[in-house]
Every structure is written in structure tokens, then in C-alpha cells.
Amino acid sequence: MTGWIGNVFIILGIALVAHRRREGFLAGVIGNSLWLYKGLQTGQHDLAVIELLIVGLQTYSFMVWGTHPPSTRTPEPSPSPQPTPTGLDKPPLAPTLQ
């Protein structure tokens, strides 16, 4: 059951980060901590190590996000391409394989 609850927190965290919510990292820390516990409880040390690394990255991301929030402005459109002389705007034909 611990794994399923962890999965719910991980998915919630991903959704929150996708919506530019800093709390998503905390939800991820909770979810991955549950998997860390599960790995230690079942003797799966490889699972515990990777979950510990992920928890560390999420904690770091949470702290960095607070000092440099993502930009919410939309990027400016790139300038339109310059017209090309007639006949040069078509891609070259690929040689046929025989």
C-alpha cells in the first residue's frame, strides 16, 4: 500500500510542477520518501539509493525554484523568414534507390 500512496504523491507532484506550482516538489518528496521507506523495508537497496537521490534533487529544485521562479511571460514570436528567390524554396530531391 505504501507504494500506491507514493505513486499518487509523485503524480500529484508532476502535475503541480507542470502548472508551475512549487508545491509539486514537496509532493514528490513525500512520494519518493515513501518509496525510499519501501526500499529499505524490503531490502531493495538499489531502490532506496535511487529514491534518496531523487529526494535530494527535488529538495534542491524546491530551494532553487524559490530564488528563480520560472518565467510566466510568453516568448516573443521569431521574425518571419526572408523570402527566397523562386525555385530555391523547394527542398532538393532525394536520389532514388534502385
N, C-alpha and C. Protein backbone atom coordinates (compact mmCIF):
# COMPACT_ATOMS: atom_id res chain seq x y z
N MET A 1 0.82 -1.21 0.00
CA MET A 1 0.00 0.00 0.00
C MET A 1 0.86 1.27 0.00
N THR A 2 2.03 1.17 0.62
CA THR A 2 2.93 2.33 0.68
C THR A 2 3.30 2.80 -0.72
N GLY A 3 3.55 1.85 -1.63
CA GLY A 3 3.93 2.18 -2.99
C GLY A 3 2.83 2.93 -3.73
N TRP A 4 1.59 2.49 -3.55
CA TRP A 4 0.47 3.16 -4.24
C TRP A 4 0.28 4.58 -3.74
N ILE A 5 0.41 4.77 -2.45
CA ILE A 5 0.28 6.12 -1.90
C ILE A 5 1.43 6.99 -2.41
N GLY A 6 2.63 6.41 -2.47
CA GLY A 6 3.77 7.13 -3.03
C GLY A 6 3.54 7.53 -4.47
N ASN A 7 2.96 6.61 -5.26
CA ASN A 7 2.67 6.91 -6.66
C ASN A 7 1.71 8.08 -6.80
N VAL A 8 0.70 8.13 -5.95
CA VAL A 8 -0.28 9.22 -6.01
C VAL A 8 0.42 10.56 -5.75
N PHE A 9 1.30 10.59 -4.75
CA PHE A 9 2.02 11.83 -4.45
C PHE A 9 2.97 12.21 -5.59
N ILE A 10 3.62 11.22 -6.19
CA ILE A 10 4.54 11.51 -7.30
C ILE A 10 3.77 12.10 -8.48
N ILE A 11 2.65 11.51 -8.84
CA ILE A 11 1.85 12.01 -9.96
C ILE A 11 1.30 13.40 -9.63
N LEU A 12 0.85 13.59 -8.41
CA LEU A 12 0.37 14.91 -7.99
C LEU A 12 1.50 15.94 -8.11
N GLY A 13 2.69 15.56 -7.70
CA GLY A 13 3.83 16.47 -7.78
C GLY A 13 4.15 16.86 -9.21
N ILE A 14 4.13 15.88 -10.11
CA ILE A 14 4.40 16.17 -11.52
C ILE A 14 3.36 17.13 -12.08
N ALA A 15 2.09 16.89 -11.74
CA ALA A 15 1.02 17.76 -12.24
C ALA A 15 1.17 19.18 -11.70
N LEU A 16 1.54 19.31 -10.44
CA LEU A 16 1.70 20.64 -9.86
C LEU A 16 2.88 21.39 -10.50
N VAL A 17 3.98 20.70 -10.71
CA VAL A 17 5.13 21.35 -11.36
C VAL A 17 4.77 21.76 -12.78
N ALA A 18 3.99 20.93 -13.47
CA ALA A 18 3.56 21.27 -14.83
C ALA A 18 2.72 22.54 -14.84
N HIS A 19 2.04 22.81 -13.73
CA HIS A 19 1.23 24.03 -13.62
C HIS A 19 1.99 25.13 -12.88
N ARG A 20 3.33 24.98 -12.87
CA ARG A 20 4.22 25.98 -12.29
C ARG A 20 3.94 26.24 -10.81
N ARG A 21 3.65 25.16 -10.10
CA ARG A 21 3.41 25.26 -8.65
C ARG A 21 4.59 24.64 -7.92
N ARG A 22 5.23 25.40 -7.11
CA ARG A 22 6.42 24.96 -6.38
C ARG A 22 6.11 23.81 -5.43
N GLU A 23 4.89 23.72 -4.94
CA GLU A 23 4.49 22.67 -4.00
C GLU A 23 4.61 21.28 -4.61
N GLY A 24 4.70 21.22 -5.93
CA GLY A 24 4.84 19.93 -6.59
C GLY A 24 6.09 19.19 -6.16
N PHE A 25 7.16 19.94 -5.88
CA PHE A 25 8.39 19.30 -5.42
C PHE A 25 8.18 18.67 -4.04
N LEU A 26 7.41 19.33 -3.20
CA LEU A 26 7.15 18.76 -1.87
C LEU A 26 6.31 17.49 -1.98
N ALA A 27 5.33 17.49 -2.87
CA ALA A 27 4.53 16.28 -3.08
C ALA A 27 5.43 15.16 -3.59
N GLY A 28 6.36 15.49 -4.48
CA GLY A 28 7.30 14.49 -4.99
C GLY A 28 8.21 13.96 -3.90
N VAL A 29 8.65 14.84 -3.01
CA VAL A 29 9.50 14.41 -1.89
C VAL A 29 8.74 13.42 -1.01
N ILE A 30 7.48 13.70 -0.75
CA ILE A 30 6.67 12.78 0.06
C ILE A 30 6.53 11.43 -0.65
N GLY A 31 6.19 11.46 -1.93
CA GLY A 31 6.00 10.22 -2.68
C GLY A 31 7.27 9.40 -2.77
N ASN A 32 8.39 10.07 -3.10
CA ASN A 32 9.65 9.34 -3.21
C ASN A 32 10.17 8.89 -1.85
N SER A 33 9.85 9.62 -0.81
CA SER A 33 10.24 9.19 0.54
C SER A 33 9.50 7.91 0.93
N LEU A 34 8.25 7.81 0.50
CA LEU A 34 7.51 6.57 0.77
C LEU A 34 8.15 5.39 0.04
N TRP A 35 8.60 5.63 -1.19
CA TRP A 35 9.30 4.56 -1.93
C TRP A 35 10.65 4.27 -1.31
N LEU A 36 11.32 5.28 -0.78
CA LEU A 36 12.57 5.07 -0.06
C LEU A 36 12.34 4.15 1.14
N TYR A 37 11.30 4.44 1.89
CA TYR A 37 10.93 3.60 3.04
C TYR A 37 10.64 2.17 2.59
N LYS A 38 9.88 2.04 1.50
CA LYS A 38 9.54 0.72 0.97
C LYS A 38 10.81 -0.05 0.57
N GLY A 39 11.77 0.64 -0.07
CA GLY A 39 13.01 0.00 -0.46
C GLY A 39 13.81 -0.48 0.74
N LEU A 40 13.87 0.34 1.79
CA LEU A 40 14.59 -0.05 2.99
C LEU A 40 13.87 -1.19 3.72
N GLN A 41 12.55 -1.12 3.73
CA GLN A 41 11.75 -2.12 4.42
C GLN A 41 11.88 -3.50 3.77
N THR A 42 11.98 -3.54 2.44
CA THR A 42 12.02 -4.81 1.72
C THR A 42 13.44 -5.25 1.36
N GLY A 43 14.44 -4.47 1.76
CA GLY A 43 15.81 -4.83 1.47
C GLY A 43 16.24 -4.55 0.04
N GLN A 44 15.49 -3.75 -0.68
CA GLN A 44 15.84 -3.38 -2.07
C GLN A 44 16.70 -2.11 -2.01
N HIS A 45 17.98 -2.33 -1.79
CA HIS A 45 18.88 -1.20 -1.58
C HIS A 45 19.06 -0.35 -2.82
N ASP A 46 18.97 -0.95 -4.01
CA ASP A 46 19.06 -0.15 -5.23
C ASP A 46 17.90 0.83 -5.34
N LEU A 47 16.70 0.39 -4.98
CA LEU A 47 15.53 1.27 -4.97
C LEU A 47 15.71 2.38 -3.95
N ALA A 48 16.20 2.04 -2.77
CA ALA A 48 16.39 3.03 -1.72
C ALA A 48 17.41 4.09 -2.14
N VAL A 49 18.48 3.68 -2.79
CA VAL A 49 19.52 4.63 -3.20
C VAL A 49 18.98 5.60 -4.25
N ILE A 50 18.30 5.08 -5.27
CA ILE A 50 17.78 5.97 -6.32
C ILE A 50 16.72 6.92 -5.77
N GLU A 51 15.88 6.43 -4.87
CA GLU A 51 14.86 7.29 -4.27
C GLU A 51 15.49 8.37 -3.40
N LEU A 52 16.58 8.03 -2.72
CA LEU A 52 17.28 9.02 -1.92
C LEU A 52 17.87 10.12 -2.81
N LEU A 53 18.44 9.72 -3.95
CA LEU A 53 18.97 10.70 -4.90
C LEU A 53 17.85 11.59 -5.45
N ILE A 54 16.71 11.00 -5.78
CA ILE A 54 15.59 11.78 -6.32
C ILE A 54 15.07 12.75 -5.27
N VAL A 55 14.96 12.32 -4.02
CA VAL A 55 14.51 13.21 -2.95
C VAL A 55 15.48 14.39 -2.82
N GLY A 56 16.78 14.11 -2.91
CA GLY A 56 17.77 15.18 -2.85
C GLY A 56 17.62 16.17 -3.99
N LEU A 57 17.41 15.66 -5.21
CA LEU A 57 17.21 16.55 -6.37
C LEU A 57 15.94 17.37 -6.25
N GLN A 58 14.89 16.76 -5.74
CA GLN A 58 13.64 17.50 -5.58
C GLN A 58 13.77 18.58 -4.51
N THR A 59 14.48 18.27 -3.45
CA THR A 59 14.70 19.26 -2.39
C THR A 59 15.52 20.43 -2.94
N TYR A 60 16.57 20.11 -3.69
CA TYR A 60 17.39 21.16 -4.31
C TYR A 60 16.54 22.00 -5.27
N SER A 61 15.72 21.35 -6.09
CA SER A 61 14.88 22.07 -7.05
C SER A 61 13.88 22.97 -6.33
N PHE A 62 13.35 22.51 -5.22
CA PHE A 62 12.43 23.33 -4.43
C PHE A 62 13.12 24.59 -3.94
N MET A 63 14.36 24.45 -3.46
CA MET A 63 15.08 25.61 -2.95
C MET A 63 15.46 26.57 -4.08
N VAL A 64 15.92 26.04 -5.21
CA VAL A 64 16.31 26.90 -6.34
C VAL A 64 15.10 27.59 -6.93
N TRP A 65 13.98 26.90 -7.04
CA TRP A 65 12.77 27.46 -7.60
C TRP A 65 12.34 28.69 -6.81
N GLY A 66 12.55 28.69 -5.53
CA GLY A 66 12.16 29.82 -4.69
C GLY A 66 12.97 31.07 -4.99
N THR A 67 14.21 30.90 -5.44
CA THR A 67 15.04 32.06 -5.73
C THR A 67 14.94 32.49 -7.18
N HIS A 68 14.59 31.57 -8.07
CA HIS A 68 14.47 31.88 -9.50
C HIS A 68 13.19 31.24 -10.04
N PRO A 69 12.02 31.85 -9.78
CA PRO A 69 10.79 31.25 -10.29
C PRO A 69 10.78 31.25 -11.82
N PRO A 70 10.09 30.29 -12.41
CA PRO A 70 10.06 30.23 -13.87
C PRO A 70 9.35 31.44 -14.46
N SER A 71 9.76 31.81 -15.64
CA SER A 71 9.15 32.94 -16.32
C SER A 71 7.74 32.58 -16.76
N THR A 72 6.81 33.49 -16.56
CA THR A 72 5.43 33.24 -16.99
C THR A 72 5.09 34.02 -18.26
N ARG A 73 6.05 34.81 -18.73
CA ARG A 73 5.74 35.57 -19.95
C ARG A 73 5.88 34.65 -21.15
N THR A 74 5.11 34.97 -22.17
CA THR A 74 5.17 34.17 -23.39
C THR A 74 6.32 34.69 -24.25
N PRO A 75 7.01 33.80 -24.93
CA PRO A 75 8.12 34.25 -25.76
C PRO A 75 7.63 35.08 -26.94
N GLU A 76 8.46 36.02 -27.33
CA GLU A 76 8.11 36.85 -28.48
C GLU A 76 8.23 36.02 -29.75
N PRO A 77 7.35 36.27 -30.71
CA PRO A 77 7.45 35.48 -31.95
C PRO A 77 8.73 35.80 -32.69
N SER A 78 9.28 34.79 -33.32
CA SER A 78 10.51 35.00 -34.08
C SER A 78 10.18 35.76 -35.36
N PRO A 79 11.14 36.49 -35.88
CA PRO A 79 10.87 37.24 -37.11
C PRO A 79 10.56 36.29 -38.26
N SER A 80 9.72 36.76 -39.17
CA SER A 80 9.34 35.90 -40.29
C SER A 80 10.54 35.70 -41.20
N PRO A 81 10.64 34.53 -41.80
CA PRO A 81 11.80 34.27 -42.66
C PRO A 81 11.77 35.17 -43.90
N GLN A 82 12.95 35.48 -44.41
CA GLN A 82 13.07 36.30 -45.60
C GLN A 82 12.65 35.47 -46.82
N PRO A 83 11.97 36.09 -47.76
CA PRO A 83 11.58 35.34 -48.96
C PRO A 83 12.81 34.89 -49.73
N THR A 84 12.69 33.72 -50.33
CA THR A 84 13.80 33.19 -51.12
C THR A 84 13.48 33.35 -52.59
N PRO A 85 14.51 33.41 -53.42
CA PRO A 85 14.25 33.52 -54.86
C PRO A 85 13.45 32.31 -55.35
N THR A 86 12.67 32.50 -56.38
CA THR A 86 11.82 31.44 -56.92
C THR A 86 12.66 30.22 -57.29
N GLY A 87 12.15 29.07 -56.91
CA GLY A 87 12.82 27.82 -57.23
C GLY A 87 13.76 27.35 -56.14
N LEU A 88 14.23 28.24 -55.27
CA LEU A 88 15.15 27.84 -54.22
C LEU A 88 14.43 27.49 -52.92
N ASP A 89 13.12 27.72 -52.88
CA ASP A 89 12.38 27.44 -51.66
C ASP A 89 11.95 25.99 -51.55
N LYS A 90 12.22 25.19 -52.56
CA LYS A 90 11.85 23.78 -52.54
C LYS A 90 13.06 22.96 -52.09
N PRO A 91 12.83 21.94 -51.26
CA PRO A 91 13.97 21.12 -50.84
C PRO A 91 14.49 20.30 -52.01
N PRO A 92 15.78 19.96 -52.00
CA PRO A 92 16.32 19.15 -53.09
C PRO A 92 15.69 17.76 -53.08
N LEU A 93 15.57 17.20 -54.25
CA LEU A 93 15.01 15.86 -54.36
C LEU A 93 16.02 14.84 -53.90
N ALA A 94 15.54 13.87 -53.17
CA ALA A 94 16.42 12.79 -52.71
C ALA A 94 16.66 11.83 -53.87
N PRO A 95 17.88 11.32 -53.99
CA PRO A 95 18.13 10.35 -55.07
C PRO A 95 17.30 9.09 -54.84
N THR A 96 16.85 8.51 -55.90
CA THR A 96 16.05 7.30 -55.78
C THR A 96 16.96 6.10 -55.57
N LEU A 97 16.48 5.17 -54.81
CA LEU A 97 17.23 3.95 -54.55
C LEU A 97 16.83 2.90 -55.59
N GLN A 98 17.79 2.31 -56.24
CA GLN A 98 17.49 1.29 -57.25
C GLN A 98 18.21 0.02 -56.98
